[in-house]
Amino acid sequence: TTASDVRGLRLGQVISADLDVNGHIGRIQAGRWGAGL
């Protein structure tokens, strides 16, 4: 959770994850994203 920007995320196998970003996310990379927001 952040009220600003996120440069980027490089993740493996996402089972469950929530991103609450009140700003810009540069790039999201993951092997898979099973659940979350």
All heavy atoms as atom14 arrays in JSON, in Angstrom:
{
  "sequence": "TTASDVRGLRLGQVISADLDVNGHIGRIQAGRWGAGL",
  "atom14_mask": [
    [1, 1, 1, 1, 1, 1, 1, 0, 0, 0, 0, 0, 0, 0],
    [1, 1, 1, 1, 1, 1, 1, 0, 0, 0, 0, 0, 0, 0],
    [1, 1, 1, 1, 1, 0, 0, 0, 0, 0, 0, 0, 0, 0],
    [1, 1, 1, 1, 1, 1, 0, 0, 0, 0, 0, 0, 0, 0],
    [1, 1, 1, 1, 1, 1, 1, 1, 0, 0, 0, 0, 0, 0],
    [1, 1, 1, 1, 1, 1, 1, 0, 0, 0, 0, 0, 0, 0],
    [1, 1, 1, 1, 1, 1, 1, 1, 1, 1, 1, 0, 0, 0],
    [1, 1, 1, 1, 0, 0, 0, 0, 0, 0, 0, 0, 0, 0],
    [1, 1, 1, 1, 1, 1, 1, 1, 0, 0, 0, 0, 0, 0],
    [1, 1, 1, 1, 1, 1, 1, 1, 1, 1, 1, 0, 0, 0],
    [1, 1, 1, 1, 1, 1, 1, 1, 0, 0, 0, 0, 0, 0],
    [1, 1, 1, 1, 0, 0, 0, 0, 0, 0, 0, 0, 0, 0],
    [1, 1, 1, 1, 1, 1, 1, 1, 1, 0, 0, 0, 0, 0],
    [1, 1, 1, 1, 1, 1, 1, 0, 0, 0, 0, 0, 0, 0],
    [1, 1, 1, 1, 1, 1, 1, 1, 0, 0, 0, 0, 0, 0],
    [1, 1, 1, 1, 1, 1, 0, 0, 0, 0, 0, 0, 0, 0],
    [1, 1, 1, 1, 1, 0, 0, 0, 0, 0, 0, 0, 0, 0],
    [1, 1, 1, 1, 1, 1, 1, 1, 0, 0, 0, 0, 0, 0],
    [1, 1, 1, 1, 1, 1, 1, 1, 0, 0, 0, 0, 0, 0],
    [1, 1, 1, 1, 1, 1, 1, 1, 0, 0, 0, 0, 0, 0],
    [1, 1, 1, 1, 1, 1, 1, 0, 0, 0, 0, 0, 0, 0],
    [1, 1, 1, 1, 1, 1, 1, 1, 0, 0, 0, 0, 0, 0],
    [1, 1, 1, 1, 0, 0, 0, 0, 0, 0, 0, 0, 0, 0],
    [1, 1, 1, 1, 1, 1, 1, 1, 1, 1, 0, 0, 0, 0],
    [1, 1, 1, 1, 1, 1, 1, 1, 0, 0, 0, 0, 0, 0],
    [1, 1, 1, 1, 0, 0, 0, 0, 0, 0, 0, 0, 0, 0],
    [1, 1, 1, 1, 1, 1, 1, 1, 1, 1, 1, 0, 0, 0],
    [1, 1, 1, 1, 1, 1, 1, 1, 0, 0, 0, 0, 0, 0],
    [1, 1, 1, 1, 1, 1, 1, 1, 1, 0, 0, 0, 0, 0],
    [1, 1, 1, 1, 1, 0, 0, 0, 0, 0, 0, 0, 0, 0],
    [1, 1, 1, 1, 0, 0, 0, 0, 0, 0, 0, 0, 0, 0],
    [1, 1, 1, 1, 1, 1, 1, 1, 1, 1, 1, 0, 0, 0],
    [1, 1, 1, 1, 1, 1, 1, 1, 1, 1, 1, 1, 1, 1],
    [1, 1, 1, 1, 0, 0, 0, 0, 0, 0, 0, 0, 0, 0],
    [1, 1, 1, 1, 1, 0, 0, 0, 0, 0, 0, 0, 0, 0],
    [1, 1, 1, 1, 0, 0, 0, 0, 0, 0, 0, 0, 0, 0],
    [1, 1, 1, 1, 1, 1, 1, 1, 0, 0, 0, 0, 0, 0]
  ],
  "atom14_positions": [
    [[0.85, -1.19, 0.0], [0.0, 0.0, 0.0], [0.88, 1.24, 0.0], [1.77, 1.37, 0.85], [-0.91, 0.03, 1.24], [-1.69, -1.17, 1.28], [-1.85, 1.23, 1.19], [0.0, 0.0, 0.0], [0.0, 0.0, 0.0], [0.0, 0.0, 0.0], [0.0, 0.0, 0.0], [0.0, 0.0, 0.0], [0.0, 0.0, 0.0], [0.0, 0.0, 0.0]],
    [[0.65, 2.14, -0.96], [1.4, 3.39, -1.0], [0.55, 4.46, -1.67], [-0.28, 4.16, -2.54], [2.73, 3.23, -1.75], [3.42, 4.5, -1.76], [2.53, 2.77, -3.18], [0.0, 0.0, 0.0], [0.0, 0.0, 0.0], [0.0, 0.0, 0.0], [0.0, 0.0, 0.0], [0.0, 0.0, 0.0], [0.0, 0.0, 0.0], [0.0, 0.0, 0.0]],
    [[0.76, 5.69, -1.26], [0.06, 6.83, -1.85], [0.88, 7.5, -2.93], [0.57, 8.61, -3.36], [-0.3, 7.86, -0.76], [0.0, 0.0, 0.0], [0.0, 0.0, 0.0], [0.0, 0.0, 0.0], [0.0, 0.0, 0.0], [0.0, 0.0, 0.0], [0.0, 0.0, 0.0], [0.0, 0.0, 0.0], [0.0, 0.0, 0.0], [0.0, 0.0, 0.0]],
    [[1.92, 6.83, -3.41], [2.8, 7.4, -4.42], [3.1, 6.35, -5.49], [2.38, 5.37, -5.62], [4.08, 7.91, -3.77], [4.85, 8.67, -4.67], [0.0, 0.0, 0.0], [0.0, 0.0, 0.0], [0.0, 0.0, 0.0], [0.0, 0.0, 0.0], [0.0, 0.0, 0.0], [0.0, 0.0, 0.0], [0.0, 0.0, 0.0], [0.0, 0.0, 0.0]],
    [[4.17, 6.57, -6.26], [4.49, 5.72, -7.42], [5.34, 4.52, -7.01], [6.06, 4.55, -6.01], [5.24, 6.52, -8.48], [4.42, 7.67, -9.04], [3.18, 7.6, -8.97], [5.02, 8.64, -9.54], [0.0, 0.0, 0.0], [0.0, 0.0, 0.0], [0.0, 0.0, 0.0], [0.0, 0.0, 0.0], [0.0, 0.0, 0.0], [0.0, 0.0, 0.0]],
    [[5.26, 3.48, -7.84], [6.09, 2.29, -7.7], [6.84, 2.09, -9.01], [6.22, 2.03, -10.08], [5.25, 1.04, -7.38], [6.14, -0.19, -7.32], [4.49, 1.22, -6.07], [0.0, 0.0, 0.0], [0.0, 0.0, 0.0], [0.0, 0.0, 0.0], [0.0, 0.0, 0.0], [0.0, 0.0, 0.0], [0.0, 0.0, 0.0], [0.0, 0.0, 0.0]],
    [[8.15, 2.0, -8.93], [8.95, 1.89, -10.17], [8.62, 0.62, -10.93], [8.44, 0.63, -12.15], [10.43, 1.94, -9.83], [11.33, 1.83, -11.06], [12.79, 1.91, -10.67], [13.65, 1.73, -11.84], [14.98, 1.69, -11.78], [15.6, 1.83, -10.61], [15.69, 1.51, -12.87], [0.0, 0.0, 0.0], [0.0, 0.0, 0.0], [0.0, 0.0, 0.0]],
    [[8.55, -0.52, -10.22], [8.25, -1.76, -10.91], [8.29, -2.95, -9.99], [8.87, -2.9, -8.9], [0.0, 0.0, 0.0], [0.0, 0.0, 0.0], [0.0, 0.0, 0.0], [0.0, 0.0, 0.0], [0.0, 0.0, 0.0], [0.0, 0.0, 0.0], [0.0, 0.0, 0.0], [0.0, 0.0, 0.0], [0.0, 0.0, 0.0], [0.0, 0.0, 0.0]],
    [[7.67, -4.05, -10.43], [7.62, -5.29, -9.67], [8.01, -6.44, -10.59], [7.47, -6.57, -11.69], [6.22, -5.54, -9.12], [5.69, -4.49, -8.15], [4.23, -4.22, -8.41], [5.87, -4.96, -6.72], [0.0, 0.0, 0.0], [0.0, 0.0, 0.0], [0.0, 0.0, 0.0], [0.0, 0.0, 0.0], [0.0, 0.0, 0.0], [0.0, 0.0, 0.0]],
    [[8.94, -7.27, -10.11], [9.32, -8.48, -10.84], [9.21, -9.65, -9.87], [10.06, -9.82, -8.99], [10.74, -8.36, -11.38], [11.13, -9.52, -12.29], [12.44, -9.24, -13.0], [12.75, -10.28, -13.96], [13.77, -10.23, -14.81], [14.56, -9.16, -14.82], [13.99, -11.22, -15.64], [0.0, 0.0, 0.0], [0.0, 0.0, 0.0], [0.0, 0.0, 0.0]],
    [[8.14, -10.44, -10.03], [7.79, -11.46, -9.05], [7.81, -12.84, -9.69], [7.7, -12.97, -10.92], [6.41, -11.18, -8.45], [6.19, -9.75, -7.92], [4.75, -9.57, -7.47], [7.16, -9.43, -6.79], [0.0, 0.0, 0.0], [0.0, 0.0, 0.0], [0.0, 0.0, 0.0], [0.0, 0.0, 0.0], [0.0, 0.0, 0.0], [0.0, 0.0, 0.0]],
    [[7.91, -13.86, -8.85], [7.84, -15.23, -9.33], [6.4, -15.67, -9.49], [5.6, -15.02, -10.15], [0.0, 0.0, 0.0], [0.0, 0.0, 0.0], [0.0, 0.0, 0.0], [0.0, 0.0, 0.0], [0.0, 0.0, 0.0], [0.0, 0.0, 0.0], [0.0, 0.0, 0.0], [0.0, 0.0, 0.0], [0.0, 0.0, 0.0], [0.0, 0.0, 0.0]],
    [[6.04, -16.79, -8.86], [4.68, -17.3, -8.92], [3.86, -16.65, -7.81], [4.09, -16.89, -6.63], [4.68, -18.82, -8.75], [5.54, -19.55, -9.75], [5.04, -19.39, -11.18], [3.85, -19.43, -11.43], [5.95, -19.21, -12.11], [0.0, 0.0, 0.0], [0.0, 0.0, 0.0], [0.0, 0.0, 0.0], [0.0, 0.0, 0.0], [0.0, 0.0, 0.0]],
    [[2.9, -15.8, -8.19], [2.09, -15.1, -7.21], [0.86, -15.95, -6.89], [0.01, -16.18, -7.74], [1.65, -13.72, -7.73], [0.78, -13.02, -6.69], [2.87, -12.86, -8.06], [0.0, 0.0, 0.0], [0.0, 0.0, 0.0], [0.0, 0.0, 0.0], [0.0, 0.0, 0.0], [0.0, 0.0, 0.0], [0.0, 0.0, 0.0], [0.0, 0.0, 0.0]],
    [[0.79, -16.41, -5.64], [-0.39, -17.14, -5.19], [-1.49, -16.15, -4.81], [-2.63, -16.27, -5.25], [-0.03, -18.05, -4.01], [1.01, -19.09, -4.46], [-1.27, -18.75, -3.46], [1.57, -19.93, -3.33], [0.0, 0.0, 0.0], [0.0, 0.0, 0.0], [0.0, 0.0, 0.0], [0.0, 0.0, 0.0], [0.0, 0.0, 0.0], [0.0, 0.0, 0.0]],
    [[-1.15, -15.15, -3.99], [-2.1, -14.12, -3.62], [-1.34, -12.86, -3.22], [-0.44, -12.91, -2.37], [-2.98, -14.57, -2.45], [-3.86, -13.54, -2.05], [0.0, 0.0, 0.0], [0.0, 0.0, 0.0], [0.0, 0.0, 0.0], [0.0, 0.0, 0.0], [0.0, 0.0, 0.0], [0.0, 0.0, 0.0], [0.0, 0.0, 0.0], [0.0, 0.0, 0.0]],
    [[-1.69, -11.73, -3.85], [-1.06, -10.46, -3.52], [-2.0, -9.32, -3.86], [-2.73, -9.38, -4.85], [0.27, -10.3, -4.27], [0.0, 0.0, 0.0], [0.0, 0.0, 0.0], [0.0, 0.0, 0.0], [0.0, 0.0, 0.0], [0.0, 0.0, 0.0], [0.0, 0.0, 0.0], [0.0, 0.0, 0.0], [0.0, 0.0, 0.0], [0.0, 0.0, 0.0]],
    [[-1.99, -8.27, -3.04], [-2.81, -7.09, -3.26], [-1.91, -5.87, -3.39], [-1.07, -5.62, -2.52], [-3.78, -6.87, -2.1], [-4.84, -7.96, -2.0], [-5.23, -8.48, -3.05], [-5.26, -8.28, -0.87], [0.0, 0.0, 0.0], [0.0, 0.0, 0.0], [0.0, 0.0, 0.0], [0.0, 0.0, 0.0], [0.0, 0.0, 0.0], [0.0, 0.0, 0.0]],
    [[-2.11, -5.1, -4.47], [-1.41, -3.84, -4.66], [-2.42, -2.71, -4.6], [-3.39, -2.7, -5.36], [-0.69, -3.81, -6.01], [0.26, -4.97, -6.35], [0.86, -4.76, -7.73], [1.36, -5.09, -5.3], [0.0, 0.0, 0.0], [0.0, 0.0, 0.0], [0.0, 0.0, 0.0], [0.0, 0.0, 0.0], [0.0, 0.0, 0.0], [0.0, 0.0, 0.0]],
    [[-2.23, -1.77, -3.68], [-3.1, -0.6, -3.57], [-2.21, 0.63, -3.7], [-1.64, 1.12, -2.72], [-3.82, -0.62, -2.22], [-4.86, 0.5, -2.11], [-5.0, 1.27, -3.08], [-5.51, 0.59, -1.05], [0.0, 0.0, 0.0], [0.0, 0.0, 0.0], [0.0, 0.0, 0.0], [0.0, 0.0, 0.0], [0.0, 0.0, 0.0], [0.0, 0.0, 0.0]],
    [[-2.09, 1.1, -4.94], [-1.13, 2.16, -5.27], [-1.88, 3.39, -5.76], [-2.51, 3.36, -6.82], [-0.13, 1.67, -6.34], [0.84, 2.79, -6.72], [0.63, 0.45, -5.84], [0.0, 0.0, 0.0], [0.0, 0.0, 0.0], [0.0, 0.0, 0.0], [0.0, 0.0, 0.0], [0.0, 0.0, 0.0], [0.0, 0.0, 0.0], [0.0, 0.0, 0.0]],
    [[-1.82, 4.45, -5.01], [-2.44, 5.72, -5.41], [-1.42, 6.53, -6.21], [-1.02, 7.61, -5.83], [-2.93, 6.49, -4.19], [-3.77, 7.7, -4.57], [-4.25, 7.8, -5.69], [-3.95, 8.62, -3.65], [0.0, 0.0, 0.0], [0.0, 0.0, 0.0], [0.0, 0.0, 0.0], [0.0, 0.0, 0.0], [0.0, 0.0, 0.0], [0.0, 0.0, 0.0]],
    [[-1.02, 5.94, -7.32], [0.0, 6.54, -8.18], [0.23, 5.64, -9.37], [-0.65, 4.86, -9.77], [0.0, 0.0, 0.0], [0.0, 0.0, 0.0], [0.0, 0.0, 0.0], [0.0, 0.0, 0.0], [0.0, 0.0, 0.0], [0.0, 0.0, 0.0], [0.0, 0.0, 0.0], [0.0, 0.0, 0.0], [0.0, 0.0, 0.0], [0.0, 0.0, 0.0]],
    [[1.42, 5.71, -9.96], [1.75, 4.97, -11.17], [2.64, 3.79, -10.86], [3.58, 3.89, -10.05], [2.47, 5.9, -12.16], [2.98, 5.22, -13.39], [2.14, 4.77, -14.38], [4.24, 4.9, -13.77], [2.86, 4.2, -15.34], [4.14, 4.28, -15.0], [0.0, 0.0, 0.0], [0.0, 0.0, 0.0], [0.0, 0.0, 0.0], [0.0, 0.0, 0.0]],
    [[2.37, 2.63, -11.45], [3.25, 1.48, -11.39], [3.92, 1.34, -12.76], [3.24, 1.21, -13.78], [2.5, 0.18, -11.05], [1.74, 0.32, -9.72], [3.47, -0.99, -10.98], [0.9, -0.89, -9.38], [0.0, 0.0, 0.0], [0.0, 0.0, 0.0], [0.0, 0.0, 0.0], [0.0, 0.0, 0.0], [0.0, 0.0, 0.0], [0.0, 0.0, 0.0]],
    [[5.22, 1.37, -12.77], [5.93, 1.35, -14.05], [5.75, 0.05, -14.81], [5.34, 0.02, -15.96], [0.0, 0.0, 0.0], [0.0, 0.0, 0.0], [0.0, 0.0, 0.0], [0.0, 0.0, 0.0], [0.0, 0.0, 0.0], [0.0, 0.0, 0.0], [0.0, 0.0, 0.0], [0.0, 0.0, 0.0], [0.0, 0.0, 0.0], [0.0, 0.0, 0.0]],
    [[6.04, -1.08, -14.16], [5.97, -2.38, -14.84], [5.67, -3.46, -13.83], [6.22, -3.47, -12.73], [7.3, -2.66, -15.54], [7.38, -4.03, -16.22], [8.74, -4.25, -16.85], [9.01, -3.29, -17.92], [10.14, -3.26, -18.61], [11.12, -4.1, -18.32], [10.31, -2.37, -19.58], [0.0, 0.0, 0.0], [0.0, 0.0, 0.0], [0.0, 0.0, 0.0]],
    [[4.8, -4.39, -14.21], [4.49, -5.56, -13.39], [4.85, -6.79, -14.18], [4.34, -7.0, -15.28], [3.01, -5.59, -12.97], [2.64, -4.35, -12.15], [2.7, -6.86, -12.19], [1.16, -4.24, -11.84], [0.0, 0.0, 0.0], [0.0, 0.0, 0.0], [0.0, 0.0, 0.0], [0.0, 0.0, 0.0], [0.0, 0.0, 0.0], [0.0, 0.0, 0.0]],
    [[5.73, -7.64, -13.63], [6.1, -8.91, -14.25], [5.92, -10.02, -13.23], [6.32, -9.87, -12.07], [7.55, -8.88, -14.72], [7.84, -7.91, -15.85], [9.3, -7.9, -16.23], [10.13, -7.39, -15.5], [9.62, -8.51, -17.36], [0.0, 0.0, 0.0], [0.0, 0.0, 0.0], [0.0, 0.0, 0.0], [0.0, 0.0, 0.0], [0.0, 0.0, 0.0]],
    [[5.33, -11.13, -13.65], [5.15, -12.27, -12.76], [5.05, -13.54, -13.58], [4.66, -13.51, -14.76], [3.9, -12.1, -11.91], [0.0, 0.0, 0.0], [0.0, 0.0, 0.0], [0.0, 0.0, 0.0], [0.0, 0.0, 0.0], [0.0, 0.0, 0.0], [0.0, 0.0, 0.0], [0.0, 0.0, 0.0], [0.0, 0.0, 0.0], [0.0, 0.0, 0.0]],
    [[5.41, -14.68, -12.96], [5.22, -15.95, -13.63], [3.74, -16.26, -13.81], [3.31, -16.71, -14.86], [0.0, 0.0, 0.0], [0.0, 0.0, 0.0], [0.0, 0.0, 0.0], [0.0, 0.0, 0.0], [0.0, 0.0, 0.0], [0.0, 0.0, 0.0], [0.0, 0.0, 0.0], [0.0, 0.0, 0.0], [0.0, 0.0, 0.0], [0.0, 0.0, 0.0]],
    [[2.98, -16.02, -12.77], [1.53, -16.14, -12.79], [0.98, -15.28, -11.66], [1.72, -14.89, -10.77], [1.08, -17.6, -12.61], [1.44, -18.18, -11.26], [1.06, -19.64, -11.13], [-0.38, -19.82, -11.1], [-1.11, -19.81, -9.97], [-0.53, -19.58, -8.81], [-2.4, -20.0, -10.01], [0.0, 0.0, 0.0], [0.0, 0.0, 0.0], [0.0, 0.0, 0.0]],
    [[-0.32, -15.01, -11.7], [-0.95, -14.24, -10.61], [-2.27, -14.92, -10.3], [-3.25, -14.78, -11.01], [-1.18, -12.79, -11.05], [-1.32, -11.83, -9.9], [-2.3, -11.83, -8.94], [-0.45, -10.74, -9.57], [-2.09, -10.82, -8.03], [-0.95, -10.13, -8.4], [0.71, -10.23, -10.16], [-0.35, -9.03, -7.81], [1.3, -9.14, -9.57], [0.79, -8.54, -8.42]],
    [[-2.27, -15.71, -9.2], [-3.42, -16.55, -8.91], [-4.61, -15.82, -8.32], [-5.75, -16.04, -8.72], [0.0, 0.0, 0.0], [0.0, 0.0, 0.0], [0.0, 0.0, 0.0], [0.0, 0.0, 0.0], [0.0, 0.0, 0.0], [0.0, 0.0, 0.0], [0.0, 0.0, 0.0], [0.0, 0.0, 0.0], [0.0, 0.0, 0.0], [0.0, 0.0, 0.0]],
    [[-4.36, -14.92, -7.36], [-5.47, -14.24, -6.68], [-4.98, -12.93, -6.09], [-3.79, -12.74, -5.86], [-6.05, -15.13, -5.58], [0.0, 0.0, 0.0], [0.0, 0.0, 0.0], [0.0, 0.0, 0.0], [0.0, 0.0, 0.0], [0.0, 0.0, 0.0], [0.0, 0.0, 0.0], [0.0, 0.0, 0.0], [0.0, 0.0, 0.0], [0.0, 0.0, 0.0]],
    [[-5.92, -12.03, -5.84], [-5.6, -10.75, -5.24], [-6.15, -9.6, -6.06], [-7.12, -9.75, -6.82], [0.0, 0.0, 0.0], [0.0, 0.0, 0.0], [0.0, 0.0, 0.0], [0.0, 0.0, 0.0], [0.0, 0.0, 0.0], [0.0, 0.0, 0.0], [0.0, 0.0, 0.0], [0.0, 0.0, 0.0], [0.0, 0.0, 0.0], [0.0, 0.0, 0.0]],
    [[-5.53, -8.44, -5.95], [-6.04, -7.22, -6.57], [-4.88, -6.33, -6.98], [-3.91, -6.18, -6.24], [-6.94, -6.47, -5.59], [-7.44, -5.08, -6.01], [-8.45, -5.21, -7.14], [-8.05, -4.34, -4.84], [0.0, 0.0, 0.0], [0.0, 0.0, 0.0], [0.0, 0.0, 0.0], [0.0, 0.0, 0.0], [0.0, 0.0, 0.0], [0.0, 0.0, 0.0]]
  ]
}
